C-alpha atoms as a PDB file:
ATOM      1  CA  MET A   1      17.928 -42.448-146.757  1.00  0.00           C
ATOM      2  CA  SER A   2      18.641 -41.872-143.041  1.00  0.00           C
ATOM      3  CA  LYS A   3      17.987 -44.203-140.217  1.00  0.00           C
ATOM      4  CA  LEU A   4      15.364 -41.979-138.863  1.00  0.00           C
ATOM      5  CA  ASP A   5      13.641 -41.689-142.273  1.00  0.00           C
ATOM      6  CA  ALA A   6      13.793 -45.338-142.663  1.00  0.00           C
ATOM      7  CA  LEU A   7      12.508 -46.419-139.507  1.00  0.00           C
ATOM      8  CA  LEU A   8       9.513 -43.697-140.041  1.00  0.00           C
ATOM      9  CA  LYS A   9       8.897 -45.193-143.177  1.00  0.00           C
ATOM     10  CA  ALA A  10       8.478 -48.701-141.559  1.00  0.00           C
ATOM     11  CA  PHE A  11       6.409 -46.892-138.636  1.00  0.00           C
ATOM     12  CA  GLY A  12       4.013 -45.636-141.272  1.00  0.00           C
ATOM     13  CA  GLU A  13       3.886 -48.862-143.280  1.00  0.00           C
ATOM     14  CA  ALA A  14       2.781 -50.523-139.670  1.00  0.00           C
ATOM     15  CA  GLY A  15       0.080 -48.057-139.188  1.00  0.00           C
ATOM     16  CA  GLY A  16       1.839 -45.469-137.327  1.00  0.00           C
ATOM     17  CA  ASP A  17       0.816 -41.730-137.716  1.00  0.00           C
ATOM     18  CA  LYS A  18       4.090 -40.407-139.018  1.00  0.00           C
ATOM     19  CA  GLY A  19       2.505 -36.836-138.690  1.00  0.00           C
ATOM     20  CA  ALA A  20       2.271 -37.091-134.879  1.00  0.00           C
ATOM     21  CA  LEU A  21       5.940 -37.429-134.373  1.00  0.00           C
ATOM     22  CA  ALA A  22       6.328 -33.925-136.090  1.00  0.00           C
ATOM     23  CA  ALA A  23       3.877 -32.209-133.922  1.00  0.00           C
ATOM     24  CA  GLU A  24       4.924 -29.791-131.500  1.00  0.00           C
ATOM     25  CA  ASP A  25       2.316 -30.614-128.794  1.00  0.00           C
ATOM     26  CA  THR A  26       2.758 -34.428-129.011  1.00  0.00           C
ATOM     27  CA  ALA A  27       5.399 -36.261-127.015  1.00  0.00           C
ATOM     28  CA  HIS A  28       7.464 -39.330-128.577  1.00  0.00           C
ATOM     29  CA  LEU A  29      10.321 -41.463-128.359  1.00  0.00           C
ATOM     30  CA  VAL A  30      12.186 -43.209-131.405  1.00  0.00           C
ATOM     31  CA  ALA A  31      14.871 -45.630-131.389  1.00  0.00           C
ATOM     32  CA  SER A  32      16.346 -48.083-134.141  1.00  0.00           C
ATOM     33  CA  GLY A  33      18.633 -50.840-132.415  1.00  0.00           C
ATOM     34  CA  HIS A  34      20.468 -49.221-129.735  1.00  0.00           C
ATOM     35  CA  LYS A  35      20.601 -45.739-131.573  1.00  0.00           C
ATOM     36  CA  LEU A  36      18.221 -42.999-130.161  1.00  0.00           C
ATOM     37  CA  LEU A  37      17.057 -41.090-133.142  1.00  0.00           C
ATOM     38  CA  SER A  38      14.404 -38.586-131.725  1.00  0.00           C
ATOM     39  CA  MET A  39      12.576 -37.766-128.694  1.00  0.00           C
ATOM     40  CA  LYS A  40      10.211 -34.946-127.400  1.00  0.00           C
ATOM     41  CA  ALA A  41       8.743 -34.100-124.104  1.00  0.00           C
ATOM     42  CA  ILE A  42       5.724 -31.670-123.476  1.00  0.00           C
ATOM     43  CA  GLU A  43       4.616 -29.582-120.583  1.00  0.00           C
ATOM     44  CA  GLY A  44       3.630 -31.768-117.912  1.00  0.00           C
ATOM     45  CA  LEU A  45       5.463 -35.110-119.443  1.00  0.00           C
ATOM     46  CA  GLU A  46       8.851 -35.718-119.015  1.00  0.00           C
ATOM     47  CA  VAL A  47      11.094 -37.713-121.445  1.00  0.00           C
ATOM     48  CA  ASP A  48      14.578 -38.650-120.245  1.00  0.00           C
ATOM     49  CA  ALA A  49      16.397 -41.274-122.668  1.00  0.00           C
ATOM     50  CA  ARG A  50      20.006 -42.281-123.079  1.00  0.00           C
ATOM     51  CA  GLU A  51      22.133 -44.912-124.922  1.00  0.00           C
ATOM     52  CA  THR A  52      23.980 -47.151-122.757  1.00  0.00           C
ATOM     53  CA  LEU A  53      26.716 -49.913-123.062  1.00  0.00           C
ATOM     54  CA  THR A  54      23.913 -52.459-123.183  1.00  0.00           C
ATOM     55  CA  GLY A  55      21.157 -50.710-125.174  1.00  0.00           C
ATOM     56  CA  ILE A  56      18.713 -47.977-124.413  1.00  0.00           C
ATOM     57  CA  SER A  57      17.553 -46.632-120.989  1.00  0.00           C
ATOM     58  CA  ALA A  58      14.292 -44.425-120.863  1.00  0.00           C
ATOM     59  CA  ALA A  59      12.254 -42.801-118.195  1.00  0.00           C
ATOM     60  CA  ILE A  60       8.793 -41.286-118.894  1.00  0.00           C
ATOM     61  CA  THR A  61       7.060 -39.277-116.095  1.00  0.00           C
ATOM     62  CA  VAL A  62       3.269 -37.707-116.388  1.00  0.00           C
ATOM     63  CA  LYS A  63       3.237 -35.026-113.573  1.00  0.00           C
ATOM     64  CA  GLU A  64       0.787 -34.699-110.926  1.00  0.00           C
ATOM     65  CA  GLY A  65      -2.905 -33.783-112.306  1.00  0.00           C
ATOM     66  CA  VAL A  66      -1.516 -33.527-115.842  1.00  0.00           C
ATOM     67  CA  LYS A  67      -4.109 -34.874-118.645  1.00  0.00           C
ATOM     68  CA  VAL A  68      -1.871 -35.470-121.576  1.00  0.00           C
ATOM     69  CA  ARG A  69      -4.544 -34.627-124.685  1.00  0.00           C
ATOM     70  CA  ASN A  70      -2.589 -36.231-127.484  1.00  0.00           C
ATOM     71  CA  PRO A  71      -1.187 -39.847-127.546  1.00  0.00           C
ATOM     72  CA  VAL A  72       2.385 -40.399-126.731  1.00  0.00           C
ATOM     73  CA  HIS A  73       4.026 -42.219-129.764  1.00  0.00           C
ATOM     74  CA  LEU A  74       6.654 -44.732-129.355  1.00  0.00           C
ATOM     75  CA  CYS A  75       8.603 -46.277-132.042  1.00  0.00           C
ATOM     76  CA  PHE A  76      11.336 -49.037-131.664  1.00  0.00           C
ATOM     77  CA  GLY A  77      12.727 -51.303-134.331  1.00  0.00           C
ATOM     78  CA  VAL A  78      15.523 -52.909-135.879  1.00  0.00           C
ATOM     79  CA  LEU A  79      15.787 -52.498-139.741  1.00  0.00           C
ATOM     80  CA  HIS A  80      18.811 -54.640-140.493  1.00  0.00           C
ATOM     81  CA  LYS A  81      18.389 -58.513-141.163  1.00  0.00           C
ATOM     82  CA  LYS A  82      20.300 -59.058-138.006  1.00  0.00           C
ATOM     83  CA  GLY A  83      20.525 -57.254-134.705  1.00  0.00           C
ATOM     84  CA  THR A  84      19.663 -56.886-131.319  1.00  0.00           C
ATOM     85  CA  GLN A  85      17.598 -54.180-129.295  1.00  0.00           C
ATOM     86  CA  LYS A  86      17.495 -54.042-125.468  1.00  0.00           C
ATOM     87  CA  ILE A  87      15.130 -51.318-123.909  1.00  0.00           C
ATOM     88  CA  LYS A  88      14.865 -50.647-120.064  1.00  0.00           C
ATOM     89  CA  MET A  89      11.773 -48.371-119.598  1.00  0.00           C
ATOM     90  CA  ASP A  90      10.299 -46.611-116.392  1.00  0.00           C
ATOM     91  CA  VAL A  91       7.166 -45.092-116.749  1.00  0.00           C
ATOM     92  CA  LYS A  92       5.600 -43.191-113.778  1.00  0.00           C
ATOM     93  CA  PHE A  93       2.206 -41.618-113.548  1.00  0.00           C
ATOM     94  CA  GLU A  94       1.928 -39.238-110.672  1.00  0.00           C
ATOM     95  CA  LYS A  95      -1.286 -38.796-108.693  1.00  0.00           C
ATOM     96  CA  ASN A  96      -4.432 -37.977-110.981  1.00  0.00           C
ATOM     97  CA  SER A  97      -2.488 -37.889-114.067  1.00  0.00           C
ATOM     98  CA  SER A  98      -3.553 -39.539-117.475  1.00  0.00           C
ATOM     99  CA  ALA A  99      -2.112 -40.439-120.968  1.00  0.00           C
ATOM    100  CA  HIS A 100      -2.477 -42.821-123.832  1.00  0.00           C
ATOM    101  CA  PHE A 101       0.722 -44.363-125.131  1.00  0.00           C
ATOM    102  CA  ILE A 102       0.779 -45.888-128.690  1.00  0.00           C
ATOM    103  CA  ALA A 103       3.835 -48.090-129.320  1.00  0.00           C
ATOM    104  CA  HIS A 104       4.883 -49.445-132.601  1.00  0.00           C
ATOM    105  CA  CYS A 105       7.620 -52.047-132.848  1.00  0.00           C
ATOM    106  CA  VAL A 106       8.700 -52.880-136.292  1.00  0.00           C
ATOM    107  CA  PHE A 107      11.247 -55.388-137.664  1.00  0.00           C
ATOM    108  CA  PRO A 108      10.340 -55.773-141.376  1.00  0.00           C
ATOM    109  CA  ASN A 109      13.628 -57.553-142.561  1.00  0.00           C
ATOM    110  CA  ALA A 110      14.249 -59.613-139.436  1.00  0.00           C
ATOM    111  CA  GLU A 111      16.210 -62.838-140.276  1.00  0.00           C
ATOM    112  CA  LYS A 112      18.085 -63.102-137.070  1.00  0.00           C
ATOM    113  CA  VAL A 113      16.865 -60.330-134.595  1.00  0.00           C
ATOM    114  CA  ARG A 114      16.316 -59.995-130.627  1.00  0.00           C
ATOM    115  CA  HIS A 115      14.127 -57.472-129.138  1.00  0.00           C
ATOM    116  CA  ILE A 116      14.124 -57.441-125.325  1.00  0.00           C
ATOM    117  CA  MET A 117      11.906 -54.978-123.564  1.00  0.00           C
ATOM    118  CA  ASP A 118      12.097 -54.593-119.848  1.00  0.00           C
ATOM    119  CA  ALA A 119       9.637 -52.207-118.379  1.00  0.00           C
ATOM    120  CA  VAL A 120       8.613 -51.014-114.787  1.00  0.00           C
ATOM    121  CA  VAL A 121       5.410 -49.100-114.815  1.00  0.00           C
ATOM    122  CA  GLU A 122       4.013 -47.080-111.760  1.00  0.00           C
ATOM    123  CA  VAL A 123       0.404 -45.809-111.831  1.00  0.00           C
ATOM    124  CA  GLY A 124      -0.336 -43.298-109.142  1.00  0.00           C
ATOM    125  CA  GLU A 125      -3.146 -42.877-107.039  1.00  0.00           C
ATOM    126  CA  GLY A 126      -6.356 -41.774-109.197  1.00  0.00           C
ATOM    127  CA  ALA A 127      -4.067 -41.919-112.420  1.00  0.00           C
ATOM    128  CA  GLU A 128      -4.905 -43.620-115.464  1.00  0.00           C
ATOM    129  CA  MET A 129      -2.438 -45.263-118.092  1.00  0.00           C
ATOM    130  CA  ARG A 130      -3.700 -46.708-121.409  1.00  0.00           C
ATOM    131  CA  TYR A 131      -0.932 -48.554-123.566  1.00  0.00           C
ATOM    132  CA  SER A 132      -1.573 -49.745-127.210  1.00  0.00           C
ATOM    133  CA  GLU A 133       1.288 -51.719-128.645  1.00  0.00           C
ATOM    134  CA  THR A 134       1.219 -53.129-132.276  1.00  0.00           C
ATOM    135  CA  HIS A 135       4.024 -55.213-133.740  1.00  0.00           C
ATOM    136  CA  TYR A 136       5.109 -56.100-137.307  1.00  0.00           C
ATOM    137  CA  HIS A 137       7.965 -58.792-137.558  1.00  0.00           C
ATOM    138  CA  GLY A 138       8.282 -59.139-141.215  1.00  0.00           C
ATOM    139  CA  VAL A 139       7.895 -62.581-143.275  1.00  0.00           C
ATOM    140  CA  TYR A 140      10.834 -64.468-142.495  1.00  0.00           C
ATOM    141  CA  GLY A 141      10.268 -65.445-138.748  1.00  0.00           C
ATOM    142  CA  GLY A 142      13.783 -64.872-137.820  1.00  0.00           C
ATOM    143  CA  ILE A 143      13.096 -62.968-134.367  1.00  0.00           C
ATOM    144  CA  LYS A 144      12.701 -63.306-130.828  1.00  0.00           C
ATOM    145  CA  VAL A 145      10.609 -60.775-128.856  1.00  0.00           C
ATOM    146  CA  ILE A 146      10.707 -60.785-125.226  1.00  0.00           C
ATOM    147  CA  PRO A 147       8.694 -58.322-123.447  1.00  0.00           C
ATOM    148  CA  LYS A 148       8.636 -58.203-119.623  1.00  0.00           C
ATOM    149  CA  SER A 149       6.578 -55.757-117.803  1.00  0.00           C
ATOM    150  CA  VAL A 150       6.030 -55.042-113.851  1.00  0.00           C
ATOM    151  CA  VAL A 151       2.938 -52.792-113.116  1.00  0.00           C
ATOM    152  CA  ARG A 152       2.025 -51.656-109.921  1.00  0.00           C
ATOM    153  CA  ILE A 153      -1.398 -49.554-109.730  1.00  0.00           C
ATOM    154  CA  GLY A 154      -2.038 -47.253-106.832  1.00  0.00           C
ATOM    155  CA  LYS A 155      -5.501 -46.468-105.129  1.00  0.00           C
ATOM    156  CA  ARG A 156      -8.223 -45.857-107.715  1.00  0.00           C
ATOM    157  CA  GLY A 157      -5.680 -45.914-110.412  1.00  0.00           C
ATOM    158  CA  ARG A 158      -6.414 -47.480-113.742  1.00  0.00           C
ATOM    159  CA  TYR A 159      -4.288 -49.429-116.391  1.00  0.00           C
ATOM    160  CA  PHE A 160      -5.438 -50.833-119.772  1.00  0.00           C
ATOM    161  CA  ALA A 161      -2.971 -52.661-122.016  1.00  0.00           C
ATOM    162  CA  ASP A 162      -3.513 -53.871-125.574  1.00  0.00           C
ATOM    163  CA  PHE A 163      -0.988 -56.087-127.456  1.00  0.00           C
ATOM    164  CA  THR A 164      -1.670 -56.864-131.120  1.00  0.00           C
ATOM    165  CA  LEU A 165       0.566 -58.885-133.579  1.00  0.00           C
ATOM    166  CA  ILE A 166      -1.736 -59.936-136.465  1.00  0.00           C
ATOM    167  CA  ASP A 167       0.146 -59.223-139.807  1.00  0.00           C
ATOM    168  CA  GLY A 168       3.188 -61.004-140.977  1.00  0.00           C
ATOM    169  CA  ARG A 169       5.148 -63.761-138.763  1.00  0.00           C
ATOM    170  CA  VAL A 170       5.635 -63.846-135.181  1.00  0.00           C
ATOM    171  CA  GLY A 171       8.913 -65.639-135.102  1.00  0.00           C
ATOM    172  CA  ALA A 172       9.303 -66.490-131.246  1.00  0.00           C
ATOM    173  CA  LEU A 173       7.256 -64.340-128.795  1.00  0.00           C
ATOM    174  CA  ASP A 174       7.674 -64.643-124.934  1.00  0.00           C
ATOM    175  CA  ILE A 175       5.347 -62.095-123.025  1.00  0.00           C
ATOM    176  CA  ASP A 176       5.672 -61.954-119.199  1.00  0.00           C
ATOM    177  CA  TYR A 177       3.419 -59.263-117.757  1.00  0.00           C
ATOM    178  CA  ALA A 178       2.920 -58.795-113.934  1.00  0.00           C
ATOM    179  CA  VAL A 179       0.350 -56.321-112.411  1.00  0.00           C
ATOM    180  CA  GLU A 180      -0.373 -55.560-108.996  1.00  0.00           C
ATOM    181  CA  ALA A 181      -3.687 -53.579-108.342  1.00  0.00           C
ATOM    182  CA  GLY A 182      -4.326 -51.591-105.320  1.00  0.00           C
ATOM    183  CA  GLU A 183      -7.634 -50.565-103.583  1.00  0.00           C
ATOM    184  CA  ASN A 184     -10.378 -49.564-106.136  1.00  0.00           C
ATOM    185  CA  ALA A 185      -7.734 -49.913-108.843  1.00  0.00           C
ATOM    186  CA  VAL A 186      -8.798 -51.324-112.295  1.00  0.00           C
ATOM    187  CA  THR A 187      -6.538 -53.183-114.894  1.00  0.00           C
ATOM    188  CA  GLU A 188      -7.588 -54.872-118.305  1.00  0.00           C
ATOM    189  CA  LEU A 189      -4.862 -56.754-120.188  1.00  0.00           C
ATOM    190  CA  THR A 190      -5.774 -57.679-123.954  1.00  0.00           C
ATOM    191  CA  ALA A 191      -3.459 -59.676-126.511  1.00  0.00           C
ATOM    192  CA  ARG A 192      -4.208 -60.627-130.008  1.00  0.00           C
ATOM    193  CA  VAL A 193      -1.711 -62.846-131.906  1.00  0.00           C
ATOM    194  CA  PHE A 194      -1.723 -64.792-135.066  1.00  0.00           C
ATOM    195  CA  GLY A 195       0.914 -67.341-135.425  1.00  0.00           C
ATOM    196  CA  HIS A 196       1.922 -68.927-138.863  1.00  0.00           C
ATOM    197  CA  ALA A 197       4.781 -71.633-140.197  1.00  0.00           C
ATOM    198  CA  ASN A 198       6.670 -72.335-137.175  1.00  0.00           C
ATOM    199  CA  ASP A 199       6.010 -69.713-135.008  1.00  0.00           C
ATOM    200  CA  GLU A 200       6.234 -70.034-131.237  1.00  0.00           C
ATOM    201  CA  ILE A 201       4.162 -68.056-128.939  1.00  0.00           C
ATOM    202  CA  LYS A 202       4.300 -67.720-124.994  1.00  0.00           C
ATOM    203  CA  ILE A 203       2.111 -65.426-123.307  1.00  0.00           C
ATOM    204  CA  LYS A 204       2.256 -65.252-119.405  1.00  0.00           C
ATOM    205  CA  GLU A 205       0.122 -62.518-117.639  1.00  0.00           C
ATOM    206  CA  SER A 206      -0.571 -62.258-114.077  1.00  0.00           C
ATOM    207  CA  VAL A 207      -3.098 -59.858-112.250  1.00  0.00           C
ATOM    208  CA  VAL A 208      -2.784 -59.753-108.527  1.00  0.00           C
ATOM    209  CA  LEU A 209      -5.933 -57.838-106.982  1.00  0.00           C
ATOM    210  CA  ALA A 210      -4.001 -56.966-103.701  1.00  0.00           C
ATOM    211  CA  GLY A 211      -6.577 -53.992-102.631  1.00  0.00           C
ATOM    212  CA  GLU A 212     -10.107 -54.102-101.643  1.00  0.00           C
ATOM    213  CA  ASN A 213     -12.525 -53.975-104.565  1.00  0.00           C
ATOM    214  CA  ALA A 214      -9.791 -54.158-107.059  1.00  0.00           C
ATOM    215  CA  ARG A 215     -10.781 -55.156-110.513  1.00  0.00           C
ATOM    216  CA  GLY A 216      -8.766 -57.333-113.234  1.00  0.00           C
ATOM    217  CA  LEU A 217      -9.442 -58.868-116.538  1.00  0.00           C
ATOM    218  CA  ILE A 218      -7.077 -60.812-118.690  1.00  0.00           C
ATOM    219  CA  LYS A 219      -8.424 -61.431-122.140  1.00  0.00           C
ATOM    220  CA  THR A 220      -6.380 -63.422-124.867  1.00  0.00           C
ATOM    221  CA  ARG A 221      -7.232 -64.156-128.518  1.00  0.00           C
ATOM    222  CA  VAL A 222      -4.693 -66.422-130.466  1.00  0.00           C
ATOM    223  CA  ALA A 223      -5.083 -67.983-133.747  1.00  0.00           C
ATOM    224  CA  LEU A 224      -2.828 -70.756-135.148  1.00  0.00           C
ATOM    225  CA  GLU A 225      -2.146 -72.311-138.460  1.00  0.00           C
ATOM    226  CA  ASP A 226       0.508 -74.569-140.278  1.00  0.00           C
ATOM    227  CA  GLU A 227       3.044 -75.958-137.556  1.00  0.00           C
ATOM    228  CA  SER A 228       2.788 -72.753-135.078  1.00  0.00           C
ATOM    229  CA  SER A 229       2.367 -73.257-131.412  1.00  0.00           C
ATOM    230  CA  ALA A 230       1.302 -71.306-128.248  1.00  0.00           C
ATOM    231  CA  GLU A 231       1.158 -71.659-124.729  1.00  0.00           C
ATOM    232  CA  VAL A 232      -1.188 -68.989-122.776  1.00  0.00           C
ATOM    233  CA  THR A 233      -0.946 -68.784-118.901  1.00  0.00           C
ATOM    234  CA  GLY A 234      -3.442 -66.270-117.472  1.00  0.00           C
ATOM    235  CA  ILE A 235      -3.034 -65.853-113.687  1.00  0.00           C
ATOM    236  CA  THR A 236      -5.194 -64.002-111.491  1.00  0.00           C
ATOM    237  CA  GLU A 237      -5.291 -63.761-107.566  1.00  0.00           C
ATOM    238  CA  GLY A 238      -7.946 -62.125-105.411  1.00  0.00           C
ATOM    239  CA  ASN A 239      -6.434 -61.233-102.065  1.00  0.00           C
ATOM    240  CA  ALA A 240      -8.636 -58.477-100.787  1.00  0.00           C
ATOM    241  CA  ALA A 241     -12.460 -58.116 -99.903  1.00  0.00           C
ATOM    242  CA  GLY A 242     -14.474 -57.155-102.843  1.00  0.00           C
ATOM    243  CA  ALA A 243     -11.667 -58.284-105.402  1.00  0.00           C
ATOM    244  CA  ARG A 244     -13.202 -59.300-108.870  1.00  0.00           C
ATOM    245  CA  GLY A 245     -11.010 -61.030-111.430  1.00  0.00           C
ATOM    246  CA  HIS A 246     -11.679 -62.893-114.655  1.00  0.00           C
ATOM    247  CA  VAL A 247      -9.436 -64.699-117.099  1.00  0.00           C
ATOM    248  CA  ASP A 248     -10.509 -65.210-120.861  1.00  0.00           C
ATOM    249  CA  CYS A 249      -8.792 -67.178-123.220  1.00  0.00           C
ATOM    250  CA  MET A 250      -9.688 -68.202-126.836  1.00  0.00           C
ATOM    251  CA  GLU A 251      -7.314 -70.084-129.039  1.00  0.00           C
ATOM    252  CA  ILE A 252      -8.451 -71.225-132.735  1.00  0.00           C
ATOM    253  CA  VAL A 253      -6.287 -73.922-134.463  1.00  0.00           C
ATOM    254  CA  LYS A 254      -5.987 -75.442-137.926  1.00  0.00           C
ATOM    255  CA  ASP A 255      -3.488 -77.773-139.777  1.00  0.00           C
ATOM    256  CA  ASN A 256      -1.010 -78.975-137.393  1.00  0.00           C
ATOM    257  CA  ALA A 257      -1.065 -76.183-135.028  1.00  0.00           C
ATOM    258  CA  VAL A 258      -0.832 -76.873-131.376  1.00  0.00           C
ATOM    259  CA  ALA A 259      -2.403 -74.813-128.458  1.00  0.00           C
ATOM    260  CA  LYS A 260      -2.405 -74.763-124.767  1.00  0.00           C
ATOM    261  CA  ALA A 261      -4.025 -72.683-122.289  1.00  0.00           C
ATOM    262  CA  ILE A 262      -3.262 -72.676-118.648  1.00  0.00           C
ATOM    263  CA  PRO A 263      -5.783 -70.596-116.314  1.00  0.00           C
ATOM    264  CA  ILE A 264      -4.597 -70.315-112.872  1.00  0.00           C
ATOM    265  CA  VAL A 265      -6.894 -68.587-110.261  1.00  0.00           C
ATOM    266  CA  ASN A 266      -6.162 -68.234-106.609  1.00  0.00           C
ATOM    267  CA  VAL A 267      -8.228 -66.725-103.941  1.00  0.00           C
ATOM    268  CA  THR A 268      -6.946 -65.789-100.314  1.00  0.00           C
ATOM    269  CA  ASN A 269      -9.963 -63.809 -98.990  1.00  0.00           C
ATOM    270  CA  PRO A 270     -13.467 -65.040 -98.692  1.00  0.00           C
ATOM    271  CA  LEU A 271     -14.884 -61.835 -99.985  1.00  0.00           C
ATOM    272  CA  ALA A 272     -13.125 -62.087-103.341  1.00  0.00           C
ATOM    273  CA  LYS A 273     -14.031 -63.719-106.339  1.00  0.00           C
ATOM    274  CA  VAL A 274     -12.106 -64.891-109.550  1.00  0.00           C
ATOM    275  CA  THR A 275     -13.372 -66.577-112.336  1.00  0.00           C
ATOM    276  CA  HIS A 276     -11.954 -68.094-115.785  1.00  0.00           C
ATOM    277  CA  GLU A 277     -12.813 -69.638-119.117  1.00  0.00           C
ATOM    278  CA  ALA A 278     -10.513 -71.177-121.820  1.00  0.00           C
ATOM    279  CA  ALA A 279     -11.503 -72.499-125.147  1.00  0.00           C
ATOM    280  CA  ILE A 280      -9.253 -74.276-127.493  1.00  0.00           C
ATOM    281  CA  GLY A 281     -10.800 -75.379-130.923  1.00  0.00           C
ATOM    282  CA  SER A 282     -10.896 -75.336-134.628  1.00  0.00           C
ATOM    283  CA  VAL A 283     -13.109 -72.896-136.605  1.00  0.00           C
ATOM    284  CA  ASP A 284     -17.066 -72.995-135.829  1.00  0.00           C
ATOM    285  CA  LYS A 285     -18.508 -75.082-138.391  1.00  0.00           C
ATOM    286  CA  ARG A 286     -21.825 -73.339-138.670  1.00  0.00           C
ATOM    287  CA  GLN A 287     -20.208 -69.990-139.137  1.00  0.00           C
ATOM    288  CA  MET A 288     -18.021 -71.689-141.840  1.00  0.00           C
ATOM    289  CA  GLU A 289     -21.338 -72.874-143.535  1.00  0.00           C
ATOM    290  CA  THR A 290     -23.044 -69.444-143.117  1.00  0.00           C
ATOM    291  CA  LEU A 291     -20.254 -67.484-144.773  1.00  0.00           C
ATOM    292  CA  MET A 292     -19.833 -70.082-147.712  1.00  0.00           C
ATOM    293  CA  ALA A 293     -23.568 -69.922-148.303  1.00  0.00           C
ATOM    294  CA  HIS A 294     -22.959 -66.149-149.029  1.00  0.00           C
ATOM    295  CA  GLY A 295     -20.400 -67.160-151.839  1.00  0.00           C
ATOM    296  CA  LEU A 296     -17.152 -67.491-149.902  1.00  0.00           C
ATOM    297  CA  THR A 297     -14.602 -70.050-150.486  1.00  0.00           C
ATOM    298  CA  PRO A 298     -13.630 -72.379-147.512  1.00  0.00           C
ATOM    299  CA  GLU A 299     -10.336 -70.309-147.092  1.00  0.00           C
ATOM    300  CA  GLU A 300     -12.009 -66.944-147.362  1.00  0.00           C
ATOM    301  CA  ALA A 301     -14.760 -68.148-144.709  1.00  0.00           C
ATOM    302  CA  VAL A 302     -11.917 -69.035-142.282  1.00  0.00           C
ATOM    303  CA  ASP A 303      -9.908 -65.741-142.808  1.00  0.00           C
ATOM    304  CA  VAL A 304     -13.076 -63.862-141.919  1.00  0.00           C
ATOM    305  CA  ILE A 305     -13.694 -65.946-138.631  1.00  0.00           C
ATOM    306  CA  VAL A 306     -10.145 -65.562-137.634  1.00  0.00           C
ATOM    307  CA  LYS A 307      -9.847 -61.805-138.321  1.00  0.00           C
ATOM    308  CA  GLY A 308     -13.358 -61.401-136.470  1.00  0.00           C
ATOM    309  CA  ILE A 309     -11.792 -63.366-133.309  1.00  0.00           C
ATOM    310  CA  LEU A 310      -8.581 -61.223-133.533  1.00  0.00           C
ATOM    311  CA  LYS A 311     -10.641 -57.826-133.624  1.00  0.00           C
END
C-alpha cells in the first residue's frame, strides 16, 4: 500500500470523505510527515505547497469575490510510530470571498510523534472563512501536538473555527490561537476535547476586538477522566466602541483528573462589553439519576452526559 493510500485509509477511518479528494471540483492538500502526497487547486482558489528542509510550507489564497462551493479538504498525518511533522500554513481570503475548510489530522499509531502547525490567516474585507478541524491520535498517547494560529479579520469579515479531539487518546496538546477582529467583524472559536489516562491538555485562545462593533465568542468544552489534566485560558479584549465579546468554558472531571480554567477579560473602551463564564465540576447528579431511571448503568449514563457536552 502506498503512503497516499495508507493515509487516505486513516483519513476515511477518522471521518474524512475520501471521495472528495478525487473530485475535480474540490480543492485539497494531503501530506504525510514531511512528504507532500497530493494537492489540487480550483478556479478562484490557489494552492502552492512545497517540501522544505524543515517540513512543509503551504499557501492557499481564495481570490477576490470567489465563493467556493465545495469544502476544501486538508489531510495531514504521520502513520509511523515515530516521526515529526512541521507545517507552515499561510491562508489568505481576499475581499468578499468565502470558503469552508475541513481538516483531518490523523496519527493512528503514534508512540513518539510531534505535530507542529504554524498558521497565519488573513480574512479580508467582507470575506468569510469556516475552518473545521478533527484530530485522531490513536490509543497510545505518545504524541505532542502544537497548533499555533494568528488570524486577522478585516472590516465585516467573518471567521469561525472548530477544533475537535474526542476519540482516542490526546497525548499532549498545546493550542495557541490569537485572533484580531476589525470593524464589524465576527469570530467564533470552539474547541471540544476529551482527555484520558495521563493526557495533558493546554488551550489558549485570544480574541482582540479591535474594530468598532466587532463580535467575538470563545467556547470550550473539555471532559477529563483518569489522571488527565487540562488548563484552558480564554482571553478577550474589547478595545473599540460597540465591541461585544464572551468567553464560555465548561470542564467536566471524574476520577483523579485535574482541570483549570483561566478566563481573562480586558476592556479599554467604555462603550465595549466583554463577559465570561467558567464552570468546572463533576457530572450532574440529577442527569445521572434520570438516565439510570431509564435503565442505563452509571458508566453508560456518564458516557451519554459527556458526549452531550462535547457535541
